[in-house]
C-alpha atoms as a PDB file:
ATOM      1  CA  MET A   1       0.000   0.000   0.000  1.00  0.00           C
ATOM      2  CA  PHE A   2       2.826   2.431   0.888  1.00  0.00           C
ATOM      3  CA  LYS A   3       4.461   1.885  -2.478  1.00  0.00           C
ATOM      4  CA  THR A   4       1.190   2.724  -4.206  1.00  0.00           C
ATOM      5  CA  ILE A   5       0.737   5.931  -2.202  1.00  0.00           C
ATOM      6  CA  ALA A   6       4.344   6.967  -2.824  1.00  0.00           C
ATOM      7  CA  SER A   7       3.944   6.310  -6.554  1.00  0.00           C
ATOM      8  CA  ALA A   8       0.728   8.315  -6.623  1.00  0.00           C
ATOM      9  CA  ILE A   9       2.363  11.262  -4.839  1.00  0.00           C
ATOM     10  CA  LYS A  10       5.241  11.218  -7.329  1.00  0.00           C
ATOM     11  CA  THR A  11       2.727  11.242 -10.168  1.00  0.00           C
ATOM     12  CA  TRP A  12       0.708  14.111  -8.672  1.00  0.00           C
ATOM     13  CA  PHE A  13       3.774  16.159  -7.674  1.00  0.00           C
ATOM     14  CA  PRO A  14       6.592  15.338 -10.072  1.00  0.00           C
ATOM     15  CA  ALA A  15      10.015  16.667  -9.124  1.00  0.00           C
ATOM     16  CA  GLU A  16      12.515  17.867 -11.647  1.00  0.00           C
ATOM     17  CA  GLU A  17      15.530  15.583 -11.961  1.00  0.00           C
ATOM     18  CA  VAL A  18      18.740  17.264 -10.823  1.00  0.00           C
ATOM     19  CA  ARG A  19      22.400  16.374 -11.211  1.00  0.00           C
ATOM     20  CA  ALA A  20      25.591  17.674  -9.658  1.00  0.00           C
ATOM     21  CA  HIS A  21      29.203  17.195 -10.667  1.00  0.00           C
ATOM     22  CA  CYS A  22      30.376  17.531  -7.035  1.00  0.00           C
ATOM     23  CA  ASP A  23      30.227  15.030  -4.198  1.00  0.00           C
ATOM     24  CA  GLY A  24      28.430  17.675  -2.148  1.00  0.00           C
ATOM     25  CA  PRO A  25      25.967  20.312  -3.201  1.00  0.00           C
ATOM     26  CA  CYS A  26      27.365  23.312  -5.028  1.00  0.00           C
ATOM     27  CA  GLY A  27      28.301  26.081  -2.690  1.00  0.00           C
ATOM     28  CA  VAL A  28      30.029  23.946  -0.066  1.00  0.00           C
ATOM     29  CA  TYR A  29      33.386  24.066  -1.815  1.00  0.00           C
ATOM     30  CA  ASP A  30      35.510  27.188  -1.509  1.00  0.00           C
ATOM     31  CA  PRO A  31      39.293  27.641  -1.493  1.00  0.00           C
ATOM     32  CA  ALA A  32      38.992  30.440   1.105  1.00  0.00           C
ATOM     33  CA  SER A  33      39.552  28.059   4.015  1.00  0.00           C
ATOM     34  CA  ALA A  34      42.814  26.870   2.433  1.00  0.00           C
ATOM     35  CA  ARG A  35      43.892  30.506   2.005  1.00  0.00           C
ATOM     36  CA  ILE A  36      43.188  31.360   5.634  1.00  0.00           C
ATOM     37  CA  ALA A  37      45.141  28.341   6.879  1.00  0.00           C
ATOM     38  CA  ALA A  38      48.034  29.012   4.475  1.00  0.00           C
ATOM     39  CA  GLU A  39      48.200  32.615   5.701  1.00  0.00           C
ATOM     40  CA  ALA A  40      48.586  31.291   9.244  1.00  0.00           C
ATOM     41  CA  VAL A  41      51.490  29.132   8.023  1.00  0.00           C
ATOM     42  CA  VAL A  42      53.186  32.219   6.581  1.00  0.00           C
ATOM     43  CA  SER A  43      52.527  34.215   9.749  1.00  0.00           C
ATOM     44  CA  MET A  44      53.810  31.543  12.122  1.00  0.00           C
ATOM     45  CA  THR A  45      56.879  30.941   9.948  1.00  0.00           C
ATOM     46  CA  LYS A  46      57.756  34.641  10.108  1.00  0.00           C
ATOM     47  CA  LYS A  47      57.163  34.702  13.872  1.00  0.00           C
ATOM     48  CA  LEU A  48      59.461  31.701  14.325  1.00  0.00           C
ATOM     49  CA  ILE A  49      62.228  33.369  12.339  1.00  0.00           C
ATOM     50  CA  ASP A  50      61.775  36.639  14.258  1.00  0.00           C
ATOM     51  CA  LEU A  51      61.885  34.756  17.569  1.00  0.00           C
ATOM     52  CA  GLY A  52      65.135  33.019  16.677  1.00  0.00           C
ATOM     53  CA  THR A  53      66.709  30.286  18.740  1.00  0.00           C
ATOM     54  CA  PRO A  54      65.046  30.177  22.156  1.00  0.00           C
ATOM     55  CA  ASP A  55      67.369  31.070  25.029  1.00  0.00           C
ATOM     56  CA  SER A  56      64.884  30.702  27.878  1.00  0.00           C
ATOM     57  CA  VAL A  57      62.106  28.382  28.925  1.00  0.00           C
ATOM     58  CA  GLU A  58      59.564  31.070  28.110  1.00  0.00           C
ATOM     59  CA  GLN A  59      60.951  31.516  24.591  1.00  0.00           C
ATOM     60  CA  ALA A  60      61.127  27.746  24.135  1.00  0.00           C
ATOM     61  CA  ASN A  61      57.454  27.520  25.094  1.00  0.00           C
ATOM     62  CA  THR A  62      56.529  30.284  22.632  1.00  0.00           C
ATOM     63  CA  PHE A  63      58.637  28.630  19.936  1.00  0.00           C
ATOM     64  CA  ALA A  64      56.895  25.283  20.526  1.00  0.00           C
ATOM     65  CA  ARG A  65      53.460  26.920  20.359  1.00  0.00           C
ATOM     66  CA  TYR A  66      54.323  28.671  17.082  1.00  0.00           C
ATOM     67  CA  VAL A  67      55.572  25.398  15.615  1.00  0.00           C
ATOM     68  CA  ALA A  68      52.418  23.576  16.709  1.00  0.00           C
ATOM     69  CA  ILE A  69      50.190  26.232  15.146  1.00  0.00           C
ATOM     70  CA  LYS A  70      52.242  26.294  11.928  1.00  0.00           C
ATOM     71  CA  GLU A  71      52.063  22.530  11.550  1.00  0.00           C
ATOM     72  CA  GLU A  72      48.351  22.369  12.388  1.00  0.00           C
ATOM     73  CA  GLN A  73      47.541  25.093   9.854  1.00  0.00           C
ATOM     74  CA  ALA A  74      49.710  23.434   7.192  1.00  0.00           C
ATOM     75  CA  GLN A  75      47.728  20.222   7.713  1.00  0.00           C
ATOM     76  CA  ILE A  76      44.437  22.125   7.506  1.00  0.00           C
ATOM     77  CA  THR A  77      45.627  23.713   4.253  1.00  0.00           C
ATOM     78  CA  LYS A  78      46.516  20.278   2.918  1.00  0.00           C
ATOM     79  CA  ASP A  79      43.160  18.798   3.959  1.00  0.00           C
ATOM     80  CA  GLU A  80      41.238  21.657   2.337  1.00  0.00           C
ATOM     81  CA  LEU A  81      43.238  21.358  -0.889  1.00  0.00           C
ATOM     82  CA  LEU A  82      42.747  17.598  -1.016  1.00  0.00           C
ATOM     83  CA  ILE A  83      38.990  18.057  -0.641  1.00  0.00           C
ATOM     84  CA  LEU A  84      38.928  20.471  -3.570  1.00  0.00           C
ATOM     85  CA  TRP A  85      41.184  18.241  -5.654  1.00  0.00           C
ATOM     86  CA  THR A  86      39.406  14.961  -5.020  1.00  0.00           C
ATOM     87  CA  ASP A  87      35.795  16.052  -4.475  1.00  0.00           C
ATOM     88  CA  TYR A  88      35.221  19.216  -6.491  1.00  0.00           C
ATOM     89  CA  PHE A  89      37.464  18.988  -9.550  1.00  0.00           C
ATOM     90  CA  LYS A  90      36.468  16.358 -12.094  1.00  0.00           C
ATOM     91  CA  PRO A  91      38.057  14.994 -15.305  1.00  0.00           C
ATOM     92  CA  VAL A  92      36.174  17.590 -17.369  1.00  0.00           C
ATOM     93  CA  HIS A  93      38.201  20.316 -15.635  1.00  0.00           C
ATOM     94  CA  LEU A  94      41.442  18.859 -17.030  1.00  0.00           C
ATOM     95  CA  GLU A  95      40.536  20.216 -20.457  1.00  0.00           C
ATOM     96  CA  LYS A  96      40.528  23.765 -19.116  1.00  0.00           C
ATOM     97  CA  PHE A  97      43.356  23.206 -16.610  1.00  0.00           C
ATOM     98  CA  PRO A  98      45.807  20.620 -17.996  1.00  0.00           C
ATOM     99  CA  ASP A  99      48.187  21.331 -15.079  1.00  0.00           C
ATOM    100  CA  LEU A 100      45.475  20.762 -12.453  1.00  0.00           C
ATOM    101  CA  HIS A 101      46.950  17.553 -11.004  1.00  0.00           C
ATOM    102  CA  ASP A 102      50.494  18.914 -10.987  1.00  0.00           C
ATOM    103  CA  THR A 103      49.336  22.147  -9.317  1.00  0.00           C
ATOM    104  CA  PHE A 104      47.551  20.307  -6.517  1.00  0.00           C
ATOM    105  CA  TRP A 105      50.310  17.731  -6.098  1.00  0.00           C
ATOM    106  CA  LYS A 106      52.942  20.452  -5.722  1.00  0.00           C
ATOM    107  CA  ALA A 107      50.711  22.487  -3.385  1.00  0.00           C
ATOM    108  CA  THR A 108      50.152  19.528  -1.068  1.00  0.00           C
ATOM    109  CA  LYS A 109      53.878  18.792  -1.128  1.00  0.00           C
ATOM    110  CA  LEU A 110      54.471  22.413  -0.065  1.00  0.00           C
ATOM    111  CA  CYS A 111      52.094  21.846   2.851  1.00  0.00           C
ATOM    112  CA  SER A 112      54.313  18.987   3.951  1.00  0.00           C
ATOM    113  CA  ALA A 113      57.475  21.039   3.433  1.00  0.00           C
ATOM    114  CA  THR A 114      56.159  23.901   5.547  1.00  0.00           C
ATOM    115  CA  LYS A 115      55.413  21.452   8.355  1.00  0.00           C
ATOM    116  CA  VAL A 116      58.946  20.057   8.540  1.00  0.00           C
ATOM    117  CA  GLU A 117      60.919  23.249   8.029  1.00  0.00           C
ATOM    118  CA  VAL A 118      60.872  26.937   8.842  1.00  0.00           C
ATOM    119  CA  SER A 119      61.110  28.487   5.393  1.00  0.00           C
ATOM    120  CA  VAL A 120      59.486  31.783   4.435  1.00  0.00           C
ATOM    121  CA  GLU A 121      60.282  30.911   0.817  1.00  0.00           C
ATOM    122  CA  HIS A 122      58.243  27.706   0.948  1.00  0.00           C
ATOM    123  CA  ALA A 123      55.459  29.353   2.954  1.00  0.00           C
ATOM    124  CA  ASN A 124      55.187  32.064   0.291  1.00  0.00           C
ATOM    125  CA  GLU A 125      55.271  29.425  -2.457  1.00  0.00           C
ATOM    126  CA  LEU A 126      52.381  27.705  -0.680  1.00  0.00           C
ATOM    127  CA  MET A 127      50.411  30.976  -0.696  1.00  0.00           C
ATOM    128  CA  ALA A 128      51.112  31.384  -4.417  1.00  0.00           C
ATOM    129  CA  ALA A 129      49.922  27.818  -5.067  1.00  0.00           C
ATOM    130  CA  VAL A 130      46.745  28.429  -3.060  1.00  0.00           C
ATOM    131  CA  GLU A 131      46.155  31.601  -5.077  1.00  0.00           C
ATOM    132  CA  LYS A 132      46.562  29.667  -8.334  1.00  0.00           C
ATOM    133  CA  ILE A 133      44.077  27.066  -7.098  1.00  0.00           C
ATOM    134  CA  HIS A 134      41.710  29.870  -6.094  1.00  0.00           C
ATOM    135  CA  GLN A 135      41.882  31.211  -9.660  1.00  0.00           C
ATOM    136  CA  MET A 136      41.317  27.754 -11.160  1.00  0.00           C
ATOM    137  CA  PHE A 137      38.381  27.067  -8.861  1.00  0.00           C
ATOM    138  CA  TRP A 138      36.542  30.293  -9.578  1.00  0.00           C
ATOM    139  CA  SER A 139      37.360  30.126 -13.278  1.00  0.00           C
ATOM    140  CA  SER A 140      35.781  26.661 -13.362  1.00  0.00           C
ATOM    141  CA  LYS A 141      32.590  28.341 -12.126  1.00  0.00           C
ATOM    142  CA  GLU A 142      33.050  31.144 -14.677  1.00  0.00           C
ATOM    143  CA  ARG A 143      33.311  33.705 -11.900  1.00  0.00           C
ATOM    144  CA  ASP A 144      35.935  36.330 -11.191  1.00  0.00           C
ATOM    145  CA  VAL A 145      36.506  36.378  -7.430  1.00  0.00           C
ATOM    146  CA  ASN A 146      39.369  38.443  -6.038  1.00  0.00           C
ATOM    147  CA  PHE A 147      42.041  36.739  -3.959  1.00  0.00           C
ATOM    148  CA  TYR A 148      42.451  38.663  -0.728  1.00  0.00           C
ATOM    149  CA  LYS A 149      45.192  38.229   1.833  1.00  0.00           C
ATOM    150  CA  ALA A 150      44.904  39.442   5.380  1.00  0.00           C
ATOM    151  CA  SER A 151      48.569  40.374   5.569  1.00  0.00           C
END
């Protein structure tokens, strides 16, 4: 009986068939979270360099906290990029962005590099990679969205 009622309701109130190319509904993906985390990596890297080699327990504690934040934010950046790469971008995007896989692969490698070292150069390269991904993402949606940095 339930099947009959459900079939009747579908007949009386037909719904339009919808499709999505993403694993989640459109609007949930955005490279902004990767940018925010990558900016924290840059900031913490600069703070570590400015702090220098700790010469007291207090400085050692601050140094350790900066390192922990830098590594956490690098991992968040990596996670956010991997979500975009594996869930949002599809094979059809490779036509428009033939370097898509290489761009993401190098960006995620930079996330790892910024976790294991204190390099402003690599932190800035990570920001540049995130900006490139931002441009690819919004271009794939045929939108022009500015890339803003807090610092």
